[in-house]
Amino acid sequence: STEGEECNLSDNNAYTLDNVKSEDFARFLWVFYDPKYSLYEAPFETWLSVLQPAARWSFCNVKELTVHELEKIQIEPVDKIAIYHEYSIDKLFLVPVYIAVCKKDKPLTFTEGMQLMMDTILRV
């Protein structure tokens, strides 16, 4: 028997990752296989793709890296609040964002309100 058979591994019974897009998984792996480790340049969408599996699979260091990189990117305040809440990122990062939302000249739109959810809106 071959080594794959001993471990019961084959193309017919490969391990599958539910609810993870192949593109998101590739971006997640990019963090580990980047030849310039710790020198990352990627757009917002890439970091959001990395954040989802990092949070889901409890890769704390990757999640911290992702937050560090997201902090360098200009993100709309309401989007940032929603993302940081969804992935349970330390709310201390959001203090300046909450201040920016409170100082807006216009009230939140209905869509922004739906994105933030009631508990956040009441606190703002």
PDB file of N, CA and C in Angstrom:
ATOM      1  N   SER A   1       0.833  -1.182   0.000  1.00  0.00           N
ATOM      2  CA  SER A   1       0.000   0.000   0.000  1.00  0.00           C
ATOM      3  C   SER A   1       0.879   1.248   0.000  1.00  0.00           C
ATOM      4  N   THR A   2       0.357   2.315  -0.549  1.00  0.00           N
ATOM      5  CA  THR A   2       1.104   3.569  -0.599  1.00  0.00           C
ATOM      6  C   THR A   2       0.858   4.370   0.664  1.00  0.00           C
ATOM      7  N   GLU A   3       1.672   5.370   0.863  1.00  0.00           N
ATOM      8  CA  GLU A   3       1.533   6.198   2.061  1.00  0.00           C
ATOM      9  C   GLU A   3       0.165   6.876   2.113  1.00  0.00           C
ATOM     10  N   GLY A   4      -0.348   7.357   0.984  1.00  0.00           N
ATOM     11  CA  GLY A   4      -1.651   8.004   0.937  1.00  0.00           C
ATOM     12  C   GLY A   4      -2.773   7.066   1.330  1.00  0.00           C
ATOM     13  N   GLU A   5      -2.653   5.808   0.936  1.00  0.00           N
ATOM     14  CA  GLU A   5      -3.687   4.834   1.293  1.00  0.00           C
ATOM     15  C   GLU A   5      -3.659   4.532   2.788  1.00  0.00           C
ATOM     16  N   GLU A   6      -2.447   4.478   3.363  1.00  0.00           N
ATOM     17  CA  GLU A   6      -2.341   4.211   4.789  1.00  0.00           C
ATOM     18  C   GLU A   6      -3.015   5.314   5.598  1.00  0.00           C
ATOM     19  N   CYS A   7      -2.917   6.526   5.137  1.00  0.00           N
ATOM     20  CA  CYS A   7      -3.532   7.654   5.841  1.00  0.00           C
ATOM     21  C   CYS A   7      -4.952   7.898   5.369  1.00  0.00           C
ATOM     22  N   ASN A   8      -5.409   7.056   4.454  1.00  0.00           N
ATOM     23  CA  ASN A   8      -6.750   7.177   3.904  1.00  0.00           C
ATOM     24  C   ASN A   8      -6.932   8.501   3.153  1.00  0.00           C
ATOM     25  N   LEU A   9      -5.874   8.930   2.456  1.00  0.00           N
ATOM     26  CA  LEU A   9      -5.933  10.168   1.698  1.00  0.00           C
ATOM     27  C   LEU A   9      -5.970   9.863   0.205  1.00  0.00           C
ATOM     28  N   SER A  10      -6.841  10.531  -0.481  1.00  0.00           N
ATOM     29  CA  SER A  10      -6.907  10.426  -1.929  1.00  0.00           C
ATOM     30  C   SER A  10      -7.734  11.586  -2.448  1.00  0.00           C
ATOM     31  N   ASP A  11      -7.774  11.733  -3.748  1.00  0.00           N
ATOM     32  CA  ASP A  11      -8.600  12.784  -4.339  1.00  0.00           C
ATOM     33  C   ASP A  11     -10.081  12.557  -4.042  1.00  0.00           C
ATOM     34  N   ASN A  12     -10.459  11.309  -3.826  1.00  0.00           N
ATOM     35  CA  ASN A  12     -11.869  10.991  -3.584  1.00  0.00           C
ATOM     36  C   ASN A  12     -12.339  11.373  -2.176  1.00  0.00           C
ATOM     37  N   ASN A  13     -11.424  11.470  -1.238  1.00  0.00           N
ATOM     38  CA  ASN A  13     -11.834  11.826   0.121  1.00  0.00           C
ATOM     39  C   ASN A  13     -10.985  12.979   0.670  1.00  0.00           C
ATOM     40  N   ALA A  14     -10.717  13.948  -0.171  1.00  0.00           N
ATOM     41  CA  ALA A  14      -9.933  15.111   0.227  1.00  0.00           C
ATOM     42  C   ALA A  14     -10.679  15.925   1.265  1.00  0.00           C
ATOM     43  N   TYR A  15      -9.924  16.603   2.114  1.00  0.00           N
ATOM     44  CA  TYR A  15     -10.509  17.468   3.132  1.00  0.00           C
ATOM     45  C   TYR A  15     -11.045  18.719   2.445  1.00  0.00           C
ATOM     46  N   THR A  16     -12.269  19.088   2.745  1.00  0.00           N
ATOM     47  CA  THR A  16     -12.857  20.280   2.137  1.00  0.00           C
ATOM     48  C   THR A  16     -13.060  21.351   3.197  1.00  0.00           C
ATOM     49  N   LEU A  17     -12.961  22.582   2.767  1.00  0.00           N
ATOM     50  CA  LEU A  17     -13.192  23.725   3.652  1.00  0.00           C
ATOM     51  C   LEU A  17     -14.534  24.324   3.291  1.00  0.00           C
ATOM     52  N   ASP A  18     -15.487  24.184   4.182  1.00  0.00           N
ATOM     53  CA  ASP A  18     -16.819  24.711   3.937  1.00  0.00           C
ATOM     54  C   ASP A  18     -16.840  26.223   4.110  1.00  0.00           C
ATOM     55  N   ASN A  19     -17.629  26.877   3.301  1.00  0.00           N
ATOM     56  CA  ASN A  19     -17.863  28.319   3.387  1.00  0.00           C
ATOM     57  C   ASN A  19     -16.591  29.156   3.261  1.00  0.00           C
ATOM     58  N   VAL A  20     -15.626  28.671   2.489  1.00  0.00           N
ATOM     59  CA  VAL A  20     -14.403  29.429   2.220  1.00  0.00           C
ATOM     60  C   VAL A  20     -14.176  29.412   0.717  1.00  0.00           C
ATOM     61  N   LYS A  21     -14.115  30.592   0.149  1.00  0.00           N
ATOM     62  CA  LYS A  21     -13.839  30.690  -1.282  1.00  0.00           C
ATOM     63  C   LYS A  21     -12.378  30.361  -1.532  1.00  0.00           C
ATOM     64  N   SER A  22     -12.090  29.741  -2.658  1.00  0.00           N
ATOM     65  CA  SER A  22     -10.706  29.372  -2.968  1.00  0.00           C
ATOM     66  C   SER A  22      -9.815  30.606  -3.014  1.00  0.00           C
ATOM     67  N   GLU A  23     -10.346  31.731  -3.501  1.00  0.00           N
ATOM     68  CA  GLU A  23      -9.572  32.973  -3.558  1.00  0.00           C
ATOM     69  C   GLU A  23      -9.224  33.462  -2.147  1.00  0.00           C
ATOM     70  N   ASP A  24     -10.174  33.377  -1.224  1.00  0.00           N
ATOM     71  CA  ASP A  24      -9.917  33.784   0.151  1.00  0.00           C
ATOM     72  C   ASP A  24      -8.879  32.882   0.811  1.00  0.00           C
ATOM     73  N   PHE A  25      -8.955  31.592   0.542  1.00  0.00           N
ATOM     74  CA  PHE A  25      -7.988  30.658   1.119  1.00  0.00           C
ATOM     75  C   PHE A  25      -6.595  30.918   0.546  1.00  0.00           C
ATOM     76  N   ALA A  26      -6.518  31.200  -0.742  1.00  0.00           N
ATOM     77  CA  ALA A  26      -5.227  31.519  -1.362  1.00  0.00           C
ATOM     78  C   ALA A  26      -4.628  32.779  -0.749  1.00  0.00           C
ATOM     79  N   ARG A  27      -5.463  33.776  -0.516  1.00  0.00           N
ATOM     80  CA  ARG A  27      -4.983  35.009   0.122  1.00  0.00           C
ATOM     81  C   ARG A  27      -4.532  34.747   1.554  1.00  0.00           C
ATOM     82  N   PHE A  28      -5.245  33.891   2.258  1.00  0.00           N
ATOM     83  CA  PHE A  28      -4.865  33.517   3.619  1.00  0.00           C
ATOM     84  C   PHE A  28      -3.487  32.856   3.608  1.00  0.00           C
ATOM     85  N   LEU A  29      -3.273  31.936   2.687  1.00  0.00           N
ATOM     86  CA  LEU A  29      -1.985  31.245   2.599  1.00  0.00           C
ATOM     87  C   LEU A  29      -0.862  32.190   2.184  1.00  0.00           C
ATOM     88  N   TRP A  30      -1.200  33.224   1.406  1.00  0.00           N
ATOM     89  CA  TRP A  30      -0.216  34.204   0.962  1.00  0.00           C
ATOM     90  C   TRP A  30       0.525  34.821   2.153  1.00  0.00           C
ATOM     91  N   VAL A  31      -0.175  35.013   3.263  1.00  0.00           N
ATOM     92  CA  VAL A  31       0.452  35.580   4.453  1.00  0.00           C
ATOM     93  C   VAL A  31       1.629  34.713   4.898  1.00  0.00           C
ATOM     94  N   PHE A  32       1.480  33.399   4.795  1.00  0.00           N
ATOM     95  CA  PHE A  32       2.526  32.485   5.246  1.00  0.00           C
ATOM     96  C   PHE A  32       3.633  32.289   4.215  1.00  0.00           C
ATOM     97  N   TYR A  33       3.294  32.428   2.947  1.00  0.00           N
ATOM     98  CA  TYR A  33       4.247  32.116   1.887  1.00  0.00           C
ATOM     99  C   TYR A  33       4.771  33.338   1.150  1.00  0.00           C
ATOM    100  N   ASP A  34       4.534  34.515   1.674  1.00  0.00           N
ATOM    101  CA  ASP A  34       5.045  35.734   1.069  1.00  0.00           C
ATOM    102  C   ASP A  34       6.568  35.724   1.215  1.00  0.00           C
ATOM    103  N   PRO A  35       7.295  35.824   0.090  1.00  0.00           N
ATOM    104  CA  PRO A  35       8.763  35.783   0.185  1.00  0.00           C
ATOM    105  C   PRO A  35       9.348  36.975   0.957  1.00  0.00           C
ATOM    106  N   LYS A  36       8.611  38.065   1.061  1.00  0.00           N
ATOM    107  CA  LYS A  36       9.060  39.234   1.816  1.00  0.00           C
ATOM    108  C   LYS A  36       8.298  39.276   3.138  1.00  0.00           C
ATOM    109  N   TYR A  37       8.414  38.213   3.915  1.00  0.00           N
ATOM    110  CA  TYR A  37       7.652  38.069   5.152  1.00  0.00           C
ATOM    111  C   TYR A  37       7.701  39.347   5.967  1.00  0.00           C
ATOM    112  N   SER A  38       6.565  39.809   6.357  1.00  0.00           N
ATOM    113  CA  SER A  38       6.309  41.011   7.148  1.00  0.00           C
ATOM    114  C   SER A  38       6.337  42.297   6.335  1.00  0.00           C
ATOM    115  N   LEU A  39       6.576  42.206   5.044  1.00  0.00           N
ATOM    116  CA  LEU A  39       6.480  43.381   4.174  1.00  0.00           C
ATOM    117  C   LEU A  39       5.332  43.145   3.211  1.00  0.00           C
ATOM    118  N   TYR A  40       4.137  43.449   3.684  1.00  0.00           N
ATOM    119  CA  TYR A  40       2.946  43.148   2.909  1.00  0.00           C
ATOM    120  C   TYR A  40       2.384  44.412   2.280  1.00  0.00           C
ATOM    121  N   GLU A  41       2.015  44.298   1.037  1.00  0.00           N
ATOM    122  CA  GLU A  41       1.306  45.376   0.367  1.00  0.00           C
ATOM    123  C   GLU A  41       0.111  44.748  -0.325  1.00  0.00           C
ATOM    124  N   ALA A  42      -1.048  45.085   0.159  1.00  0.00           N
ATOM    125  CA  ALA A  42      -2.261  44.518  -0.410  1.00  0.00           C
ATOM    126  C   ALA A  42      -3.414  45.488  -0.179  1.00  0.00           C
ATOM    127  N   PRO A  43      -4.399  45.438  -1.061  1.00  0.00           N
ATOM    128  CA  PRO A  43      -5.562  46.320  -0.893  1.00  0.00           C
ATOM    129  C   PRO A  43      -6.497  45.816   0.212  1.00  0.00           C
ATOM    130  N   PHE A  44      -7.440  46.648   0.550  1.00  0.00           N
ATOM    131  CA  PHE A  44      -8.437  46.362   1.573  1.00  0.00           C
ATOM    132  C   PHE A  44      -9.103  45.003   1.367  1.00  0.00           C
ATOM    133  N   GLU A  45      -9.522  44.718   0.132  1.00  0.00           N
ATOM    134  CA  GLU A  45     -10.253  43.477  -0.152  1.00  0.00           C
ATOM    135  C   GLU A  45      -9.418  42.248   0.194  1.00  0.00           C
ATOM    136  N   THR A  46      -8.128  42.316  -0.049  1.00  0.00           N
ATOM    137  CA  THR A  46      -7.252  41.186   0.264  1.00  0.00           C
ATOM    138  C   THR A  46      -7.189  40.969   1.765  1.00  0.00           C
ATOM    139  N   TRP A  47      -7.009  42.055   2.530  1.00  0.00           N
ATOM    140  CA  TRP A  47      -6.923  41.905   3.981  1.00  0.00           C
ATOM    141  C   TRP A  47      -8.239  41.421   4.573  1.00  0.00           C
ATOM    142  N   LEU A  48      -9.344  41.853   4.000  1.00  0.00           N
ATOM    143  CA  LEU A  48     -10.636  41.371   4.473  1.00  0.00           C
ATOM    144  C   LEU A  48     -10.773  39.874   4.191  1.00  0.00           C
ATOM    145  N   SER A  49     -10.267  39.429   3.045  1.00  0.00           N
ATOM    146  CA  SER A  49     -10.277  38.002   2.709  1.00  0.00           C
ATOM    147  C   SER A  49      -9.425  37.192   3.678  1.00  0.00           C
ATOM    148  N   VAL A  50      -8.316  37.755   4.102  1.00  0.00           N
ATOM    149  CA  VAL A  50      -7.434  37.063   5.047  1.00  0.00           C
ATOM    150  C   VAL A  50      -8.056  37.045   6.441  1.00  0.00           C
ATOM    151  N   LEU A  51      -8.719  38.128   6.809  1.00  0.00           N
ATOM    152  CA  LEU A  51      -9.319  38.239   8.131  1.00  0.00           C
ATOM    153  C   LEU A  51     -10.380  37.178   8.385  1.00  0.00           C
ATOM    154  N   GLN A  52     -11.204  36.897   7.394  1.00  0.00           N
ATOM    155  CA  GLN A  52     -12.322  35.960   7.591  1.00  0.00           C
ATOM    156  C   GLN A  52     -11.843  34.579   8.048  1.00  0.00           C
ATOM    157  N   PRO A  53     -10.943  33.920   7.324  1.00  0.00           N
ATOM    158  CA  PRO A  53     -10.507  32.605   7.828  1.00  0.00           C
ATOM    159  C   PRO A  53      -9.628  32.710   9.071  1.00  0.00           C
ATOM    160  N   ALA A  54      -8.849  33.777   9.204  1.00  0.00           N
ATOM    161  CA  ALA A  54      -8.013  33.929  10.402  1.00  0.00           C
ATOM    162  C   ALA A  54      -8.881  33.987  11.651  1.00  0.00           C
ATOM    163  N   ALA A  55      -9.961  34.745  11.590  1.00  0.00           N
ATOM    164  CA  ALA A  55     -10.873  34.832  12.733  1.00  0.00           C
ATOM    165  C   ALA A  55     -11.621  33.519  12.937  1.00  0.00           C
ATOM    166  N   ARG A  56     -12.075  32.945  11.866  1.00  0.00           N
ATOM    167  CA  ARG A  56     -12.872  31.712  11.944  1.00  0.00           C
ATOM    168  C   ARG A  56     -12.071  30.553  12.525  1.00  0.00           C
ATOM    169  N   TRP A  57     -10.794  30.450  12.123  1.00  0.00           N
ATOM    170  CA  TRP A  57      -9.967  29.324  12.548  1.00  0.00           C
ATOM    171  C   TRP A  57      -9.058  29.681  13.725  1.00  0.00           C
ATOM    172  N   SER A  58      -9.268  30.828  14.323  1.00  0.00           N
ATOM    173  CA  SER A  58      -8.520  31.276  15.506  1.00  0.00           C
ATOM    174  C   SER A  58      -7.012  31.356  15.270  1.00  0.00           C
ATOM    175  N   PHE A  59      -6.620  31.901  14.126  1.00  0.00           N
ATOM    176  CA  PHE A  59      -5.219  32.200  13.854  1.00  0.00           C
ATOM    177  C   PHE A  59      -4.966  33.616  14.387  1.00  0.00           C
ATOM    178  N   CYS A  60      -4.732  33.707  15.691  1.00  0.00           N
ATOM    179  CA  CYS A  60      -4.642  35.013  16.355  1.00  0.00           C
ATOM    180  C   CYS A  60      -3.549  35.908  15.780  1.00  0.00           C
ATOM    181  N   ASN A  61      -2.388  35.345  15.482  1.00  0.00           N
ATOM    182  CA  ASN A  61      -1.298  36.163  14.937  1.00  0.00           C
ATOM    183  C   ASN A  61      -1.646  36.695  13.556  1.00  0.00           C
ATOM    184  N   VAL A  62      -2.300  35.904  12.755  1.00  0.00           N
ATOM    185  CA  VAL A  62      -2.699  36.350  11.421  1.00  0.00           C
ATOM    186  C   VAL A  62      -3.793  37.408  11.553  1.00  0.00           C
ATOM    187  N   LYS A  63      -4.712  37.220  12.484  1.00  0.00           N
ATOM    188  CA  LYS A  63      -5.755  38.213  12.722  1.00  0.00           C
ATOM    189  C   LYS A  63      -5.130  39.539  13.161  1.00  0.00           C
ATOM    190  N   GLU A  64      -4.153  39.485  14.067  1.00  0.00           N
ATOM    191  CA  GLU A  64      -3.463  40.697  14.515  1.00  0.00           C
ATOM    192  C   GLU A  64      -2.735  41.380  13.357  1.00  0.00           C
ATOM    193  N   LEU A  65      -2.080  40.595  12.518  1.00  0.00           N
ATOM    194  CA  LEU A  65      -1.408  41.145  11.338  1.00  0.00           C
ATOM    195  C   LEU A  65      -2.415  41.838  10.434  1.00  0.00           C
ATOM    196  N   THR A  66      -3.541  41.189  10.231  1.00  0.00           N
ATOM    197  CA  THR A  66      -4.581  41.743   9.374  1.00  0.00           C
ATOM    198  C   THR A  66      -5.084  43.072   9.924  1.00  0.00           C
ATOM    199  N   VAL A  67      -5.336  43.130  11.213  1.00  0.00           N
ATOM    200  CA  VAL A  67      -5.794  44.372  11.834  1.00  0.00           C
ATOM    201  C   VAL A  67      -4.722  45.446  11.684  1.00  0.00           C
ATOM    202  N   HIS A  68      -3.484  45.082  11.906  1.00  0.00           N
ATOM    203  CA  HIS A  68      -2.373  46.030  11.751  1.00  0.00           C
ATOM    204  C   HIS A  68      -2.369  46.619  10.336  1.00  0.00           C
ATOM    205  N   GLU A  69      -2.560  45.773   9.357  1.00  0.00           N
ATOM    206  CA  GLU A  69      -2.566  46.232   7.962  1.00  0.00           C
ATOM    207  C   GLU A  69      -3.832  47.019   7.633  1.00  0.00           C
ATOM    208  N   LEU A  70      -4.970  46.606   8.171  1.00  0.00           N
ATOM    209  CA  LEU A  70      -6.215  47.354   7.943  1.00  0.00           C
ATOM    210  C   LEU A  70      -6.130  48.748   8.546  1.00  0.00           C
ATOM    211  N   GLU A  71      -5.429  48.882   9.650  1.00  0.00           N
ATOM    212  CA  GLU A  71      -5.288  50.191  10.291  1.00  0.00           C
ATOM    213  C   GLU A  71      -4.533  51.179   9.409  1.00  0.00           C
ATOM    214  N   LYS A  72      -3.778  50.699   8.456  1.00  0.00           N
ATOM    215  CA  LYS A  72      -3.027  51.562   7.538  1.00  0.00           C
ATOM    216  C   LYS A  72      -3.884  52.057   6.369  1.00  0.00           C
ATOM    217  N   ILE A  73      -5.041  51.444   6.198  1.00  0.00           N
ATOM    218  CA  ILE A  73      -5.903  51.716   5.044  1.00  0.00           C
ATOM    219  C   ILE A  73      -7.050  52.623   5.457  1.00  0.00           C
ATOM    220  N   GLN A  74      -7.368  53.587   4.606  1.00  0.00           N
ATOM    221  CA  GLN A  74      -8.515  54.461   4.847  1.00  0.00           C
ATOM    222  C   GLN A  74      -9.797  53.674   4.567  1.00  0.00           C
ATOM    223  N   ILE A  75     -10.589  53.440   5.596  1.00  0.00           N
ATOM    224  CA  ILE A  75     -11.837  52.679   5.475  1.00  0.00           C
ATOM    225  C   ILE A  75     -12.967  53.582   5.946  1.00  0.00           C
ATOM    226  N   GLU A  76     -14.071  53.571   5.232  1.00  0.00           N
ATOM    227  CA  GLU A  76     -15.235  54.362   5.649  1.00  0.00           C
ATOM    228  C   GLU A  76     -15.596  53.992   7.085  1.00  0.00           C
ATOM    229  N   PRO A  77     -15.871  54.984   7.935  1.00  0.00           N
ATOM    230  CA  PRO A  77     -16.118  54.703   9.353  1.00  0.00           C
ATOM    231  C   PRO A  77     -17.176  53.637   9.628  1.00  0.00           C
ATOM    232  N   VAL A  78     -18.295  53.716   8.968  1.00  0.00           N
ATOM    233  CA  VAL A  78     -19.364  52.739   9.230  1.00  0.00           C
ATOM    234  C   VAL A  78     -18.925  51.345   8.807  1.00  0.00           C
ATOM    235  N   ASP A  79     -18.239  51.246   7.674  1.00  0.00           N
ATOM    236  CA  ASP A  79     -17.730  49.940   7.224  1.00  0.00           C
ATOM    237  C   ASP A  79     -16.740  49.368   8.233  1.00  0.00           C
ATOM    238  N   LYS A  80     -15.851  50.231   8.719  1.00  0.00           N
ATOM    239  CA  LYS A  80     -14.841  49.780   9.679  1.00  0.00           C
ATOM    240  C   LYS A  80     -15.485  49.285  10.967  1.00  0.00           C
ATOM    241  N   ILE A  81     -16.454  50.030  11.477  1.00  0.00           N
ATOM    242  CA  ILE A  81     -17.152  49.609  12.698  1.00  0.00           C
ATOM    243  C   ILE A  81     -17.820  48.250  12.485  1.00  0.00           C
ATOM    244  N   ALA A  82     -18.507  48.101  11.370  1.00  0.00           N
ATOM    245  CA  ALA A  82     -19.209  46.843  11.089  1.00  0.00           C
ATOM    246  C   ALA A  82     -18.228  45.668  10.983  1.00  0.00           C
ATOM    247  N   ILE A  83     -17.123  45.884  10.294  1.00  0.00           N
ATOM    248  CA  ILE A  83     -16.123  44.815  10.121  1.00  0.00           C
ATOM    249  C   ILE A  83     -15.497  44.445  11.465  1.00  0.00           C
ATOM    250  N   TYR A  84     -15.098  45.441  12.223  1.00  0.00           N
ATOM    251  CA  TYR A  84     -14.438  45.165  13.495  1.00  0.00           C
ATOM    252  C   TYR A  84     -15.395  44.476  14.476  1.00  0.00           C
ATOM    253  N   HIS A  85     -16.666  44.818  14.421  1.00  0.00           N
ATOM    254  CA  HIS A  85     -17.648  44.130  15.264  1.00  0.00           C
ATOM    255  C   HIS A  85     -17.839  42.685  14.795  1.00  0.00           C
ATOM    256  N   GLU A  86     -17.967  42.507  13.488  1.00  0.00           N
ATOM    257  CA  GLU A  86     -18.202  41.162  12.941  1.00  0.00           C
ATOM    258  C   GLU A  86     -17.091  40.194  13.318  1.00  0.00           C
ATOM    259  N   TYR A  87     -15.854  40.671  13.325  1.00  0.00           N
ATOM    260  CA  TYR A  87     -14.722  39.791  13.591  1.00  0.00           C
ATOM    261  C   TYR A  87     -14.151  39.946  15.002  1.00  0.00           C
ATOM    262  N   SER A  88     -14.920  40.583  15.898  1.00  0.00           N
ATOM    263  CA  SER A  88     -14.548  40.733  17.318  1.00  0.00           C
ATOM    264  C   SER A  88     -13.142  41.308  17.492  1.00  0.00           C
ATOM    265  N   ILE A  89     -12.885  42.389  16.786  1.00  0.00           N
ATOM    266  CA  ILE A  89     -11.607  43.078  16.903  1.00  0.00           C
ATOM    267  C   ILE A  89     -11.720  44.094  18.034  1.00  0.00           C
ATOM    268  N   ASP A  90     -10.646  44.250  18.764  1.00  0.00           N
ATOM    269  CA  ASP A  90     -10.607  45.134  19.927  1.00  0.00           C
ATOM    270  C   ASP A  90     -11.262  46.477  19.621  1.00  0.00           C
ATOM    271  N   LYS A  91     -12.255  46.818  20.401  1.00  0.00           N
ATOM    272  CA  LYS A  91     -13.030  48.048  20.177  1.00  0.00           C
ATOM    273  C   LYS A  91     -12.224  49.318  20.430  1.00  0.00           C
ATOM    274  N   LEU A  92     -11.091  49.218  21.087  1.00  0.00           N
ATOM    275  CA  LEU A  92     -10.251  50.400  21.295  1.00  0.00           C
ATOM    276  C   LEU A  92      -9.777  50.986  19.962  1.00  0.00           C
ATOM    277  N   PHE A  93      -9.643  50.138  18.950  1.00  0.00           N
ATOM    278  CA  PHE A  93      -9.281  50.622  17.616  1.00  0.00           C
ATOM    279  C   PHE A  93     -10.370  51.536  17.051  1.00  0.00           C
ATOM    280  N   LEU A  94     -11.575  51.383  17.555  1.00  0.00           N
ATOM    281  CA  LEU A  94     -12.711  52.107  16.985  1.00  0.00           C
ATOM    282  C   LEU A  94     -13.012  53.446  17.646  1.00  0.00           C
ATOM    283  N   VAL A  95     -12.345  53.772  18.737  1.00  0.00           N
ATOM    284  CA  VAL A  95     -12.638  55.034  19.424  1.00  0.00           C
ATOM    285  C   VAL A  95     -12.560  56.222  18.464  1.00  0.00           C
ATOM    286  N   PRO A  96     -11.474  56.391  17.690  1.00  0.00           N
ATOM    287  CA  PRO A  96     -11.443  57.531  16.760  1.00  0.00           C
ATOM    288  C   PRO A  96     -12.522  57.442  15.675  1.00  0.00           C
ATOM    289  N   VAL A  97     -12.899  56.237  15.329  1.00  0.00           N
ATOM    290  CA  VAL A  97     -13.926  56.040  14.297  1.00  0.00           C
ATOM    291  C   VAL A  97     -15.294  56.450  14.835  1.00  0.00           C
ATOM    292  N   TYR A  98     -15.592  56.066  16.075  1.00  0.00           N
ATOM    293  CA  TYR A  98     -16.855  56.494  16.694  1.00  0.00           C
ATOM    294  C   TYR A  98     -16.913  58.017  16.776  1.00  0.00           C
ATOM    295  N   ILE A  99     -15.808  58.634  17.132  1.00  0.00           N
ATOM    296  CA  ILE A  99     -15.758  60.098  17.213  1.00  0.00           C
ATOM    297  C   ILE A  99     -16.054  60.703  15.841  1.00  0.00           C
ATOM    298  N   ALA A 100     -15.449  60.146  14.797  1.00  0.00           N
ATOM    299  CA  ALA A 100     -15.691  60.652  13.434  1.00  0.00           C
ATOM    300  C   ALA A 100     -17.160  60.520  13.047  1.00  0.00           C
ATOM    301  N   VAL A 101     -17.793  59.405  13.412  1.00  0.00           N
ATOM    302  CA  VAL A 101     -19.211  59.204  13.100  1.00  0.00           C
ATOM    303  C   VAL A 101     -20.062  60.226  13.854  1.00  0.00           C
ATOM    304  N   CYS A 102     -19.727  60.467  15.112  1.00  0.00           N
ATOM    305  CA  CYS A 102     -20.496  61.432  15.915  1.00  0.00           C
ATOM    306  C   CYS A 102     -20.340  62.859  15.406  1.00  0.00           C
ATOM    307  N   LYS A 103     -19.222  63.177  14.791  1.00  0.00           N
ATOM    308  CA  LYS A 103     -18.958  64.526  14.305  1.00  0.00           C
ATOM    309  C   LYS A 103     -19.468  64.767  12.887  1.00  0.00           C
ATOM    310  N   LYS A 104     -20.029  63.743  12.259  1.00  0.00           N
ATOM    311  CA  LYS A 104     -20.542  63.909  10.894  1.00  0.00           C
ATOM    312  C   LYS A 104     -21.599  65.006  10.854  1.00  0.00           C
ATOM    313  N   ASP A 105     -21.600  65.776   9.773  1.00  0.00           N
ATOM    314  CA  ASP A 105     -22.596  66.835   9.597  1.00  0.00           C
ATOM    315  C   ASP A 105     -23.988  66.269   9.345  1.00  0.00           C
ATOM    316  N   LYS A 106     -24.030  65.108   8.704  1.00  0.00           N
ATOM    317  CA  LYS A 106     -25.318  64.497   8.350  1.00  0.00           C
ATOM    318  C   LYS A 106     -25.556  63.265   9.222  1.00  0.00           C
ATOM    319  N   PRO A 107     -26.821  62.967   9.498  1.00  0.00           N
ATOM    320  CA  PRO A 107     -27.109  61.739  10.266  1.00  0.00           C
ATOM    321  C   PRO A 107     -26.796  60.499   9.427  1.00  0.00           C
ATOM    322  N   LEU A 108     -26.690  59.387  10.114  1.00  0.00           N
ATOM    323  CA  LEU A 108     -26.469  58.123   9.401  1.00  0.00           C
ATOM    324  C   LEU A 108     -27.623  57.856   8.450  1.00  0.00           C
ATOM    325  N   THR A 109     -27.305  57.263   7.319  1.00  0.00           N
ATOM    326  CA  THR A 109     -28.355  56.865   6.392  1.00  0.00           C
ATOM    327  C   THR A 109     -29.013  55.593   6.922  1.00  0.00           C
ATOM    328  N   PHE A 110     -30.137  55.248   6.338  1.00  0.00           N
ATOM    329  CA  PHE A 110     -30.824  54.015   6.726  1.00  0.00           C
ATOM    330  C   PHE A 110     -29.904  52.817   6.515  1.00  0.00           C
ATOM    331  N   THR A 111     -29.220  52.782   5.379  1.00  0.00           N
ATOM    332  CA  THR A 111     -28.316  51.671   5.053  1.00  0.00           C
ATOM    333  C   THR A 111     -27.182  51.581   6.073  1.00  0.00           C
ATOM    334  N   GLU A 112     -26.609  52.733   6.435  1.00  0.00           N
ATOM    335  CA  GLU A 112     -25.541  52.730   7.429  1.00  0.00           C
ATOM    336  C   GLU A 112     -26.073  52.232   8.777  1.00  0.00           C
ATOM    337  N   GLY A 113     -27.259  52.658   9.131  1.00  0.00           N
ATOM    338  CA  GLY A 113     -27.872  52.204  10.375  1.00  0.00           C
ATOM    339  C   GLY A 113     -28.070  50.699  10.398  1.00  0.00           C
ATOM    340  N   MET A 114     -28.520  50.151   9.289  1.00  0.00           N
ATOM    341  CA  MET A 114     -28.722  48.698   9.196  1.00  0.00           C
ATOM    342  C   MET A 114     -27.380  47.973   9.297  1.00  0.00           C
ATOM    343  N   GLN A 115     -26.348  48.561   8.741  1.00  0.00           N
ATOM    344  CA  GLN A 115     -25.020  47.958   8.761  1.00  0.00           C
ATOM    345  C   GLN A 115     -24.455  47.927  10.186  1.00  0.00           C
ATOM    346  N   LEU A 116     -24.745  48.948  10.972  1.00  0.00           N
ATOM    347  CA  LEU A 116     -24.188  49.046  12.324  1.00  0.00           C
ATOM    348  C   LEU A 116     -24.966  48.274  13.375  1.00  0.00           C
ATOM    349  N   MET A 117     -26.227  48.031  13.161  1.00  0.00           N
ATOM    350  CA  MET A 117     -27.106  47.334  14.096  1.00  0.00           C
ATOM    351  C   MET A 117     -27.481  48.225  15.279  1.00  0.00           C
ATOM    352  N   MET A 118     -28.567  47.909  15.897  1.00  0.00           N
ATOM    353  CA  MET A 118     -29.201  48.773  16.896  1.00  0.00           C
ATOM    354  C   MET A 118     -28.315  49.065  18.105  1.00  0.00           C
ATOM    355  N   ASP A 119     -27.647  48.067  18.653  1.00  0.00           N
ATOM    356  CA  ASP A 119     -26.856  48.328  19.860  1.00  0.00           C
ATOM    357  C   ASP A 119     -25.752  49.346  19.616  1.00  0.00           C
ATOM    358  N   THR A 120     -25.139  49.304  18.452  1.00  0.00           N
ATOM    359  CA  THR A 120     -24.090  50.266  18.119  1.00  0.00           C
ATOM    360  C   THR A 120     -24.687  51.645  17.886  1.00  0.00           C
ATOM    361  N   ILE A 121     -25.794  51.713  17.186  1.00  0.00           N
ATOM    362  CA  ILE A 121     -26.444  53.000  16.902  1.00  0.00           C
ATOM    363  C   ILE A 121     -26.834  53.695  18.207  1.00  0.00           C
ATOM    364  N   LEU A 122     -27.370  52.948  19.148  1.00  0.00           N
ATOM    365  CA  LEU A 122     -27.785  53.554  20.416  1.00  0.00           C
ATOM    366  C   LEU A 122     -26.589  54.080  21.203  1.00  0.00           C
ATOM    367  N   ARG A 123     -25.454  53.437  21.060  1.00  0.00           N
ATOM    368  CA  ARG A 123     -24.250  53.906  21.754  1.00  0.00           C
ATOM    369  C   ARG A 123     -23.645  55.127  21.086  1.00  0.00           C
ATOM    370  N   VAL A 124     -23.839  55.253  19.776  1.00  0.00           N
ATOM    371  CA  VAL A 124     -23.307  56.401  19.050  1.00  0.00           C
ATOM    372  C   VAL A 124     -24.222  57.566  19.296  1.00  0.00           C
TER     373      VAL A 124
END
